[in-house]
């Protein structure tokens, strides 16, 4: 499948689905020095050799905010195996948004029911920080992630570049009520 960037939005922060972490897993907030952990998780989970540059581009202007917004998923053995950030977008369609940003889980811990609890925690944090709406960026190749985002009330933003073509591709492999009208 061609990899086309997609944007999804959630116009309110009401009724966030609540999923608990499986036994033994926990979430912790970013601490000074965790950049290396974040970079490692992005490299391992998505083969991103430029993860250090991505970190600087995404968070470099406001690293101190990570201590309130960036989470790490810790496995029962104490190793960090995932990350999700409850970030912000200052001007998307002339409005401020909460932003689900740079979600990653290492391959060995996928398919263990972790993404929905991670989303619960990040979405709850966005709400607690005063965000009234949320958006995220994903790609057509991330079908399991797209399904999770739909389960959390996100819908396609059809105003983004190549949205028609991208969502047409997604609809060929994912049946979901929200997508039926596309």
N, C-alpha and C. Protein backbone atom coordinates (compact mmCIF):
# COMPACT_ATOMS: atom_id res chain seq x y z
N UNK A 1 0.85 -1.18 0.00
CA UNK A 1 0.00 0.00 0.00
C UNK A 1 0.90 1.24 0.00
N UNK A 2 0.57 2.16 -0.88
CA UNK A 2 1.29 3.44 -0.89
C UNK A 2 1.08 4.14 0.45
N UNK A 3 2.10 4.81 0.93
CA UNK A 3 2.03 5.45 2.23
C UNK A 3 1.70 6.93 2.06
N UNK A 4 0.44 7.29 2.32
CA UNK A 4 -0.03 8.66 2.18
C UNK A 4 -0.31 9.23 3.57
N UNK A 5 0.21 10.42 3.89
CA UNK A 5 -0.09 11.04 5.19
C UNK A 5 -1.58 11.36 5.31
N UNK A 6 -2.11 11.14 6.50
CA UNK A 6 -3.51 11.42 6.81
C UNK A 6 -3.59 12.24 8.09
N UNK A 7 -4.64 13.05 8.19
CA UNK A 7 -4.91 13.79 9.41
C UNK A 7 -6.29 13.37 9.90
N UNK A 8 -6.39 13.17 11.21
CA UNK A 8 -7.67 12.83 11.83
C UNK A 8 -7.94 13.84 12.94
N UNK A 9 -9.22 14.16 13.15
CA UNK A 9 -9.61 15.15 14.15
C UNK A 9 -10.70 14.61 15.06
N UNK A 10 -10.75 15.19 16.25
CA UNK A 10 -11.82 14.93 17.21
C UNK A 10 -12.23 16.30 17.72
N UNK A 11 -13.45 16.69 17.43
CA UNK A 11 -13.90 18.07 17.69
C UNK A 11 -14.20 18.37 19.15
N UNK A 12 -14.22 17.36 20.01
CA UNK A 12 -14.44 17.63 21.44
C UNK A 12 -13.68 16.60 22.25
N UNK A 13 -13.63 16.83 23.54
CA UNK A 13 -12.91 15.93 24.45
C UNK A 13 -13.88 15.23 25.40
N UNK A 14 -15.13 15.09 24.99
CA UNK A 14 -16.14 14.44 25.81
C UNK A 14 -16.08 12.92 25.61
N UNK A 15 -16.41 12.20 26.66
CA UNK A 15 -16.55 10.74 26.60
C UNK A 15 -15.32 10.03 26.02
N UNK A 16 -14.18 10.34 26.56
CA UNK A 16 -12.95 9.67 26.14
C UNK A 16 -13.05 8.21 26.60
N UNK A 17 -12.86 7.25 25.70
CA UNK A 17 -12.87 5.84 26.12
C UNK A 17 -11.79 5.59 27.18
N UNK A 18 -12.13 4.79 28.16
CA UNK A 18 -11.22 4.51 29.28
C UNK A 18 -10.80 3.04 29.25
N UNK A 19 -9.53 2.81 28.96
CA UNK A 19 -8.97 1.46 28.92
C UNK A 19 -7.82 1.39 29.92
N UNK A 20 -7.83 0.40 30.83
CA UNK A 20 -6.73 0.26 31.79
C UNK A 20 -5.54 -0.46 31.14
N UNK A 21 -4.37 -0.20 31.67
CA UNK A 21 -3.18 -0.92 31.21
C UNK A 21 -3.26 -2.37 31.68
N UNK A 22 -2.74 -3.29 30.88
CA UNK A 22 -2.66 -4.68 31.35
C UNK A 22 -1.77 -4.79 32.59
N UNK A 23 -2.00 -5.82 33.38
CA UNK A 23 -1.22 -6.03 34.60
C UNK A 23 0.27 -5.98 34.32
N UNK A 24 0.98 -5.27 35.18
CA UNK A 24 2.43 -5.20 35.11
C UNK A 24 2.97 -4.03 34.31
N UNK A 25 2.15 -3.47 33.41
CA UNK A 25 2.58 -2.32 32.62
C UNK A 25 2.23 -1.04 33.37
N UNK A 26 2.99 -0.01 33.15
CA UNK A 26 2.68 1.29 33.73
C UNK A 26 3.14 2.39 32.77
N UNK A 27 2.64 3.58 33.00
CA UNK A 27 3.06 4.74 32.22
C UNK A 27 3.78 5.70 33.15
N UNK A 28 4.82 6.32 32.62
CA UNK A 28 5.54 7.33 33.38
C UNK A 28 5.75 8.54 32.49
N UNK A 29 5.90 9.69 33.11
CA UNK A 29 6.15 10.91 32.36
C UNK A 29 7.64 11.06 32.05
N UNK A 30 7.90 11.83 31.03
CA UNK A 30 9.25 12.18 30.59
C UNK A 30 10.04 12.81 31.74
N UNK A 31 11.30 12.42 31.82
CA UNK A 31 12.22 13.01 32.79
C UNK A 31 13.41 13.58 32.03
N UNK A 32 14.09 14.58 32.58
CA UNK A 32 15.28 15.08 31.90
C UNK A 32 16.22 13.93 31.54
N UNK A 33 16.70 13.93 30.31
CA UNK A 33 17.58 12.87 29.85
C UNK A 33 16.87 11.77 29.07
N UNK A 34 15.54 11.83 29.00
CA UNK A 34 14.79 10.78 28.30
C UNK A 34 14.80 10.91 26.78
N UNK A 35 15.45 11.93 26.26
CA UNK A 35 15.52 12.05 24.80
C UNK A 35 16.08 10.77 24.19
N UNK A 36 17.13 10.21 24.77
CA UNK A 36 17.74 9.00 24.22
C UNK A 36 16.76 7.83 24.23
N UNK A 37 15.95 7.74 25.26
CA UNK A 37 14.94 6.68 25.33
C UNK A 37 13.91 6.86 24.22
N UNK A 38 13.45 8.09 24.03
CA UNK A 38 12.48 8.39 22.98
C UNK A 38 13.06 8.03 21.61
N UNK A 39 14.28 8.45 21.36
CA UNK A 39 14.94 8.18 20.07
C UNK A 39 15.05 6.68 19.86
N UNK A 40 15.47 5.94 20.89
CA UNK A 40 15.60 4.48 20.76
C UNK A 40 14.26 3.84 20.42
N UNK A 41 13.20 4.26 21.12
CA UNK A 41 11.89 3.67 20.87
C UNK A 41 11.41 3.95 19.44
N UNK A 42 11.64 5.14 18.94
CA UNK A 42 11.23 5.46 17.56
C UNK A 42 12.06 4.65 16.56
N UNK A 43 13.34 4.50 16.81
CA UNK A 43 14.19 3.72 15.90
C UNK A 43 13.78 2.25 15.87
N UNK A 44 13.54 1.68 17.04
CA UNK A 44 13.20 0.26 17.13
C UNK A 44 11.80 0.00 16.60
N UNK A 45 10.85 0.86 16.93
CA UNK A 45 9.46 0.59 16.55
C UNK A 45 9.16 0.88 15.09
N UNK A 46 9.82 1.88 14.52
CA UNK A 46 9.49 2.28 13.15
C UNK A 46 10.70 2.43 12.25
N UNK A 47 11.83 1.89 12.64
CA UNK A 47 13.05 1.97 11.82
C UNK A 47 13.30 3.39 11.33
N UNK A 48 13.31 4.32 12.26
CA UNK A 48 13.55 5.73 11.93
C UNK A 48 14.99 6.10 12.30
N UNK A 49 15.92 5.99 11.34
CA UNK A 49 17.31 6.32 11.66
C UNK A 49 17.50 7.80 12.01
N UNK A 50 16.57 8.66 11.58
CA UNK A 50 16.67 10.09 11.84
C UNK A 50 15.84 10.51 13.06
N UNK A 51 15.61 9.61 13.99
CA UNK A 51 14.75 9.90 15.14
C UNK A 51 15.28 11.06 15.99
N UNK A 52 16.58 11.23 16.07
CA UNK A 52 17.13 12.36 16.82
C UNK A 52 16.74 13.69 16.20
N UNK A 53 16.79 13.76 14.88
CA UNK A 53 16.36 14.97 14.17
C UNK A 53 14.86 15.20 14.34
N UNK A 54 14.10 14.13 14.29
CA UNK A 54 12.64 14.23 14.47
C UNK A 54 12.34 14.80 15.86
N UNK A 55 13.02 14.29 16.88
CA UNK A 55 12.82 14.79 18.24
C UNK A 55 13.06 16.30 18.30
N UNK A 56 14.18 16.74 17.74
CA UNK A 56 14.51 18.17 17.78
C UNK A 56 13.47 19.01 17.04
N UNK A 57 13.03 18.53 15.89
CA UNK A 57 12.04 19.26 15.10
C UNK A 57 10.69 19.31 15.82
N UNK A 58 10.30 18.19 16.43
CA UNK A 58 8.98 18.12 17.07
C UNK A 58 8.94 18.81 18.43
N UNK A 59 10.01 18.69 19.22
CA UNK A 59 9.96 19.13 20.61
C UNK A 59 11.03 20.13 21.01
N UNK A 60 12.01 20.36 20.15
CA UNK A 60 13.16 21.17 20.50
C UNK A 60 12.84 22.57 20.98
N UNK A 61 11.75 23.15 20.48
CA UNK A 61 11.39 24.51 20.87
C UNK A 61 10.72 24.57 22.25
N UNK A 62 10.32 23.40 22.79
CA UNK A 62 9.60 23.39 24.07
C UNK A 62 9.87 22.09 24.84
N UNK A 63 11.12 21.73 24.98
CA UNK A 63 11.49 20.47 25.64
C UNK A 63 10.94 20.40 27.07
N UNK A 64 10.87 21.52 27.76
CA UNK A 64 10.38 21.50 29.14
C UNK A 64 8.93 21.02 29.23
N UNK A 65 8.13 21.23 28.18
CA UNK A 65 6.73 20.78 28.19
C UNK A 65 6.61 19.26 28.17
N UNK A 66 7.66 18.58 27.75
CA UNK A 66 7.61 17.12 27.69
C UNK A 66 7.36 16.50 29.07
N UNK A 67 7.81 17.16 30.12
CA UNK A 67 7.65 16.62 31.46
C UNK A 67 6.18 16.56 31.89
N UNK A 68 5.31 17.27 31.19
CA UNK A 68 3.86 17.21 31.44
C UNK A 68 3.11 16.47 30.35
N UNK A 69 3.77 16.22 29.20
CA UNK A 69 3.03 15.77 28.04
C UNK A 69 3.50 14.46 27.40
N UNK A 70 4.73 14.06 27.64
CA UNK A 70 5.28 12.88 26.99
C UNK A 70 5.31 11.71 27.96
N UNK A 71 4.73 10.61 27.55
CA UNK A 71 4.67 9.40 28.38
C UNK A 71 5.52 8.29 27.78
N UNK A 72 6.01 7.46 28.69
CA UNK A 72 6.69 6.23 28.29
C UNK A 72 5.94 5.05 28.89
N UNK A 73 5.76 4.02 28.09
CA UNK A 73 5.14 2.78 28.52
C UNK A 73 6.26 1.87 29.05
N UNK A 74 6.12 1.42 30.28
CA UNK A 74 7.13 0.57 30.90
C UNK A 74 6.56 -0.84 31.07
N UNK A 75 7.31 -1.82 30.60
CA UNK A 75 6.90 -3.22 30.66
C UNK A 75 7.10 -3.77 32.08
N UNK A 76 6.53 -4.94 32.35
CA UNK A 76 6.69 -5.54 33.68
C UNK A 76 8.15 -5.71 34.11
N UNK A 77 9.07 -5.88 33.16
CA UNK A 77 10.48 -6.05 33.51
C UNK A 77 11.19 -4.72 33.77
N UNK A 78 10.46 -3.59 33.67
CA UNK A 78 11.03 -2.27 33.94
C UNK A 78 11.58 -1.55 32.73
N UNK A 79 11.56 -2.20 31.56
CA UNK A 79 12.08 -1.57 30.34
C UNK A 79 11.02 -0.68 29.70
N UNK A 80 11.43 0.46 29.17
CA UNK A 80 10.53 1.33 28.42
C UNK A 80 10.33 0.72 27.03
N UNK A 81 9.05 0.49 26.68
CA UNK A 81 8.75 -0.21 25.42
C UNK A 81 7.80 0.57 24.51
N UNK A 82 7.40 1.76 24.92
CA UNK A 82 6.50 2.55 24.09
C UNK A 82 6.50 4.00 24.53
N UNK A 83 5.94 4.85 23.68
CA UNK A 83 5.82 6.27 23.99
C UNK A 83 4.63 6.86 23.28
N UNK A 84 4.05 7.89 23.88
CA UNK A 84 2.97 8.66 23.29
C UNK A 84 3.06 10.06 23.90
N UNK A 85 2.77 11.07 23.10
CA UNK A 85 2.86 12.44 23.59
C UNK A 85 1.53 13.17 23.40
N UNK A 86 1.07 13.80 24.46
CA UNK A 86 -0.13 14.64 24.45
C UNK A 86 0.34 16.06 24.17
N UNK A 87 0.67 16.35 22.94
CA UNK A 87 1.31 17.59 22.53
C UNK A 87 0.26 18.63 22.15
N UNK A 88 0.64 19.61 21.40
CA UNK A 88 -0.28 20.68 21.03
C UNK A 88 0.04 21.16 19.61
N UNK A 89 -0.96 21.70 18.98
CA UNK A 89 -0.85 22.34 17.67
C UNK A 89 -1.44 23.74 17.86
N UNK A 90 -0.64 24.75 17.65
CA UNK A 90 -1.10 26.11 17.95
C UNK A 90 -2.02 26.69 16.90
N UNK A 91 -1.91 26.23 15.66
CA UNK A 91 -2.71 26.86 14.61
C UNK A 91 -3.01 25.87 13.50
N UNK A 92 -4.04 25.07 13.71
CA UNK A 92 -4.52 24.18 12.65
C UNK A 92 -5.92 24.65 12.30
N UNK A 93 -6.12 25.04 11.08
CA UNK A 93 -7.39 25.65 10.66
C UNK A 93 -7.76 26.83 11.57
N UNK A 94 -6.73 27.63 11.91
CA UNK A 94 -6.88 28.84 12.73
C UNK A 94 -7.40 28.59 14.14
N UNK A 95 -7.17 27.39 14.66
CA UNK A 95 -7.58 27.08 16.03
C UNK A 95 -6.46 26.32 16.73
N UNK A 96 -6.50 26.35 18.06
CA UNK A 96 -5.56 25.57 18.88
C UNK A 96 -6.12 24.16 19.06
N UNK A 97 -5.24 23.17 19.02
CA UNK A 97 -5.65 21.77 19.16
C UNK A 97 -4.71 21.04 20.09
N UNK A 98 -5.23 20.03 20.77
CA UNK A 98 -4.37 19.04 21.39
C UNK A 98 -3.90 18.12 20.27
N UNK A 99 -2.74 17.53 20.43
CA UNK A 99 -2.15 16.72 19.36
C UNK A 99 -1.63 15.41 19.93
N UNK A 100 -2.18 14.30 19.47
CA UNK A 100 -1.60 12.99 19.79
C UNK A 100 -0.41 12.84 18.85
N UNK A 101 0.77 12.65 19.44
CA UNK A 101 2.00 12.83 18.66
C UNK A 101 3.00 11.70 18.92
N UNK A 102 3.57 11.19 17.87
CA UNK A 102 4.67 10.23 17.90
C UNK A 102 4.41 9.03 18.81
N UNK A 103 3.38 8.28 18.46
CA UNK A 103 3.03 7.05 19.18
C UNK A 103 3.93 5.92 18.68
N UNK A 104 4.48 5.16 19.60
CA UNK A 104 5.34 4.04 19.21
C UNK A 104 5.30 2.95 20.27
N UNK A 105 5.28 1.71 19.82
CA UNK A 105 5.41 0.54 20.69
C UNK A 105 6.39 -0.40 19.99
N UNK A 106 7.38 -0.89 20.73
CA UNK A 106 8.35 -1.79 20.12
C UNK A 106 7.64 -3.07 19.67
N UNK A 107 8.12 -3.69 18.58
CA UNK A 107 7.42 -4.85 18.01
C UNK A 107 7.12 -5.97 19.00
N UNK A 108 7.99 -6.25 19.93
CA UNK A 108 7.78 -7.36 20.88
C UNK A 108 6.60 -7.14 21.82
N UNK A 109 6.12 -5.92 21.92
CA UNK A 109 5.02 -5.62 22.84
C UNK A 109 3.75 -5.20 22.11
N UNK A 110 3.74 -5.34 20.81
CA UNK A 110 2.51 -5.05 20.06
C UNK A 110 1.54 -6.22 20.21
N UNK A 111 0.28 -5.92 19.95
CA UNK A 111 -0.80 -6.92 20.04
C UNK A 111 -0.98 -7.47 21.46
N UNK A 112 -0.72 -6.61 22.43
CA UNK A 112 -0.91 -6.97 23.84
C UNK A 112 -1.94 -6.06 24.51
N UNK A 113 -2.72 -5.34 23.71
CA UNK A 113 -3.73 -4.46 24.28
C UNK A 113 -3.16 -3.22 24.94
N UNK A 114 -2.12 -2.64 24.36
CA UNK A 114 -1.45 -1.49 24.96
C UNK A 114 -1.80 -0.15 24.33
N UNK A 115 -2.16 -0.15 23.05
CA UNK A 115 -2.38 1.14 22.38
C UNK A 115 -3.60 1.88 22.92
N UNK A 116 -4.67 1.18 23.21
CA UNK A 116 -5.85 1.88 23.73
C UNK A 116 -5.61 2.45 25.12
N UNK A 117 -4.99 1.73 26.05
CA UNK A 117 -4.68 2.38 27.33
C UNK A 117 -3.74 3.58 27.17
N UNK A 118 -2.78 3.48 26.25
CA UNK A 118 -1.90 4.62 26.01
C UNK A 118 -2.70 5.82 25.49
N UNK A 119 -3.63 5.56 24.57
CA UNK A 119 -4.49 6.64 24.07
C UNK A 119 -5.35 7.23 25.18
N UNK A 120 -5.90 6.38 26.05
CA UNK A 120 -6.70 6.87 27.17
C UNK A 120 -5.89 7.87 27.99
N UNK A 121 -4.68 7.50 28.34
CA UNK A 121 -3.84 8.35 29.19
C UNK A 121 -3.51 9.67 28.49
N UNK A 122 -3.13 9.59 27.22
CA UNK A 122 -2.78 10.81 26.48
C UNK A 122 -3.99 11.71 26.26
N UNK A 123 -5.12 11.13 25.92
CA UNK A 123 -6.33 11.94 25.71
C UNK A 123 -6.79 12.57 27.02
N UNK A 124 -6.73 11.82 28.11
CA UNK A 124 -7.07 12.39 29.42
C UNK A 124 -6.15 13.55 29.76
N UNK A 125 -4.88 13.42 29.43
CA UNK A 125 -3.93 14.50 29.71
C UNK A 125 -4.26 15.73 28.88
N UNK A 126 -4.57 15.53 27.60
CA UNK A 126 -4.95 16.68 26.77
C UNK A 126 -6.13 17.42 27.40
N UNK A 127 -7.14 16.67 27.82
CA UNK A 127 -8.29 17.29 28.46
C UNK A 127 -7.91 18.02 29.74
N UNK A 128 -7.06 17.40 30.56
CA UNK A 128 -6.64 18.02 31.81
C UNK A 128 -5.84 19.30 31.57
N UNK A 129 -5.15 19.36 30.44
CA UNK A 129 -4.38 20.56 30.10
C UNK A 129 -5.22 21.63 29.40
N UNK A 130 -6.52 21.39 29.30
CA UNK A 130 -7.43 22.41 28.78
C UNK A 130 -7.71 22.36 27.29
N UNK A 131 -7.24 21.35 26.61
CA UNK A 131 -7.53 21.26 25.18
C UNK A 131 -8.99 20.87 24.97
N UNK A 132 -9.63 21.53 24.03
CA UNK A 132 -11.06 21.28 23.76
C UNK A 132 -11.28 20.39 22.54
N UNK A 133 -10.23 20.14 21.79
CA UNK A 133 -10.32 19.29 20.59
C UNK A 133 -8.94 18.68 20.37
N UNK A 134 -8.89 17.65 19.53
CA UNK A 134 -7.60 16.99 19.30
C UNK A 134 -7.47 16.58 17.84
N UNK A 135 -6.22 16.48 17.42
CA UNK A 135 -5.93 15.98 16.08
C UNK A 135 -4.72 15.07 16.17
N UNK A 136 -4.49 14.34 15.10
CA UNK A 136 -3.31 13.51 14.99
C UNK A 136 -2.97 13.32 13.52
N UNK A 137 -1.73 12.95 13.28
CA UNK A 137 -1.28 12.65 11.93
C UNK A 137 -0.87 11.19 11.90
N UNK A 138 -1.25 10.52 10.83
CA UNK A 138 -0.91 9.12 10.66
C UNK A 138 -0.64 8.87 9.18
N UNK A 139 -0.63 7.62 8.78
CA UNK A 139 -0.35 7.27 7.38
C UNK A 139 -1.22 6.09 6.98
N UNK A 140 -1.47 5.97 5.70
CA UNK A 140 -2.34 4.90 5.19
C UNK A 140 -1.85 3.51 5.57
N UNK A 141 -0.56 3.32 5.75
CA UNK A 141 -0.02 2.00 6.07
C UNK A 141 -0.27 1.58 7.52
N UNK A 142 -0.76 2.45 8.35
CA UNK A 142 -0.94 2.16 9.77
C UNK A 142 -2.39 1.80 10.10
N UNK A 143 -2.87 0.77 9.46
CA UNK A 143 -4.28 0.38 9.60
C UNK A 143 -4.65 0.06 11.05
N UNK A 144 -3.89 -0.74 11.81
CA UNK A 144 -4.28 -0.98 13.21
C UNK A 144 -4.36 0.32 14.03
N UNK A 145 -3.43 1.24 13.80
CA UNK A 145 -3.46 2.52 14.51
C UNK A 145 -4.69 3.32 14.12
N UNK A 146 -5.00 3.35 12.84
CA UNK A 146 -6.19 4.08 12.36
C UNK A 146 -7.44 3.53 13.03
N UNK A 147 -7.55 2.22 13.15
CA UNK A 147 -8.71 1.60 13.81
C UNK A 147 -8.79 2.08 15.26
N UNK A 148 -7.66 2.12 15.96
CA UNK A 148 -7.65 2.61 17.34
C UNK A 148 -8.11 4.07 17.39
N UNK A 149 -7.61 4.88 16.49
CA UNK A 149 -7.98 6.30 16.48
C UNK A 149 -9.47 6.47 16.20
N UNK A 150 -10.02 5.68 15.30
CA UNK A 150 -11.46 5.72 15.04
C UNK A 150 -12.23 5.32 16.30
N UNK A 151 -11.74 4.30 17.00
CA UNK A 151 -12.38 3.87 18.26
C UNK A 151 -12.39 4.98 19.30
N UNK A 152 -11.46 5.91 19.20
CA UNK A 152 -11.37 7.03 20.12
C UNK A 152 -12.10 8.28 19.61
N UNK A 153 -12.91 8.12 18.59
CA UNK A 153 -13.73 9.22 18.12
C UNK A 153 -13.09 10.16 17.12
N UNK A 154 -11.89 9.83 16.66
CA UNK A 154 -11.26 10.63 15.60
C UNK A 154 -11.90 10.29 14.26
N UNK A 155 -12.00 11.30 13.42
CA UNK A 155 -12.57 11.12 12.08
C UNK A 155 -11.60 11.70 11.05
N UNK A 156 -11.71 11.26 9.81
CA UNK A 156 -10.83 11.80 8.78
C UNK A 156 -11.03 13.30 8.58
N UNK A 157 -9.93 14.02 8.43
CA UNK A 157 -9.98 15.41 8.02
C UNK A 157 -9.80 15.40 6.51
N UNK A 158 -10.90 15.59 5.83
CA UNK A 158 -10.89 15.48 4.36
C UNK A 158 -10.33 16.73 3.69
N UNK A 159 -9.93 17.73 4.47
CA UNK A 159 -9.34 18.94 3.87
C UNK A 159 -7.84 18.80 3.67
N UNK A 160 -7.24 17.75 4.22
CA UNK A 160 -5.79 17.61 4.09
C UNK A 160 -5.41 17.11 2.69
N UNK A 161 -4.17 17.37 2.31
CA UNK A 161 -3.66 17.01 0.99
C UNK A 161 -3.79 15.51 0.76
N UNK A 162 -4.29 15.13 -0.40
CA UNK A 162 -4.46 13.73 -0.81
C UNK A 162 -5.40 12.94 0.09
N UNK A 163 -6.25 13.61 0.87
CA UNK A 163 -7.15 12.91 1.78
C UNK A 163 -8.08 11.96 1.04
N UNK A 164 -8.67 12.40 -0.06
CA UNK A 164 -9.60 11.53 -0.80
C UNK A 164 -8.92 10.23 -1.21
N UNK A 165 -7.76 10.34 -1.81
CA UNK A 165 -7.03 9.16 -2.28
C UNK A 165 -6.58 8.29 -1.10
N UNK A 166 -6.07 8.91 -0.05
CA UNK A 166 -5.61 8.15 1.11
C UNK A 166 -6.73 7.40 1.80
N UNK A 167 -7.84 8.07 2.05
CA UNK A 167 -8.95 7.40 2.74
C UNK A 167 -9.63 6.37 1.86
N UNK A 168 -9.60 6.56 0.55
CA UNK A 168 -10.12 5.53 -0.36
C UNK A 168 -9.29 4.25 -0.19
N UNK A 169 -7.98 4.40 -0.08
CA UNK A 169 -7.11 3.23 0.14
C UNK A 169 -7.42 2.56 1.47
N UNK A 170 -7.58 3.36 2.52
CA UNK A 170 -7.88 2.81 3.85
C UNK A 170 -9.20 2.05 3.82
N UNK A 171 -10.21 2.62 3.17
CA UNK A 171 -11.54 2.00 3.13
C UNK A 171 -11.55 0.66 2.40
N UNK A 172 -10.57 0.42 1.57
CA UNK A 172 -10.48 -0.87 0.88
C UNK A 172 -10.06 -1.99 1.81
N UNK A 173 -9.39 -1.64 2.92
CA UNK A 173 -8.90 -2.68 3.83
C UNK A 173 -9.49 -2.57 5.24
N UNK A 174 -10.22 -1.50 5.53
CA UNK A 174 -10.79 -1.32 6.86
C UNK A 174 -12.25 -0.90 6.74
N UNK A 175 -13.13 -1.73 7.28
CA UNK A 175 -14.55 -1.40 7.33
C UNK A 175 -14.84 -0.84 8.71
N UNK A 176 -15.41 0.37 8.72
CA UNK A 176 -15.71 1.03 9.98
C UNK A 176 -16.87 1.97 9.73
N UNK A 177 -17.86 2.03 10.64
CA UNK A 177 -19.04 2.86 10.41
C UNK A 177 -18.73 4.31 10.05
N UNK A 178 -17.77 4.92 10.72
CA UNK A 178 -17.43 6.32 10.46
C UNK A 178 -16.93 6.52 9.04
N UNK A 179 -16.38 5.49 8.45
CA UNK A 179 -15.81 5.60 7.10
C UNK A 179 -16.81 5.30 6.01
N UNK A 180 -18.01 4.85 6.36
CA UNK A 180 -18.97 4.41 5.34
C UNK A 180 -19.41 5.52 4.39
N UNK A 181 -19.38 6.75 4.82
CA UNK A 181 -19.84 7.85 3.95
C UNK A 181 -18.74 8.46 3.10
N UNK A 182 -17.54 7.95 3.16
CA UNK A 182 -16.42 8.55 2.40
C UNK A 182 -16.44 8.08 0.96
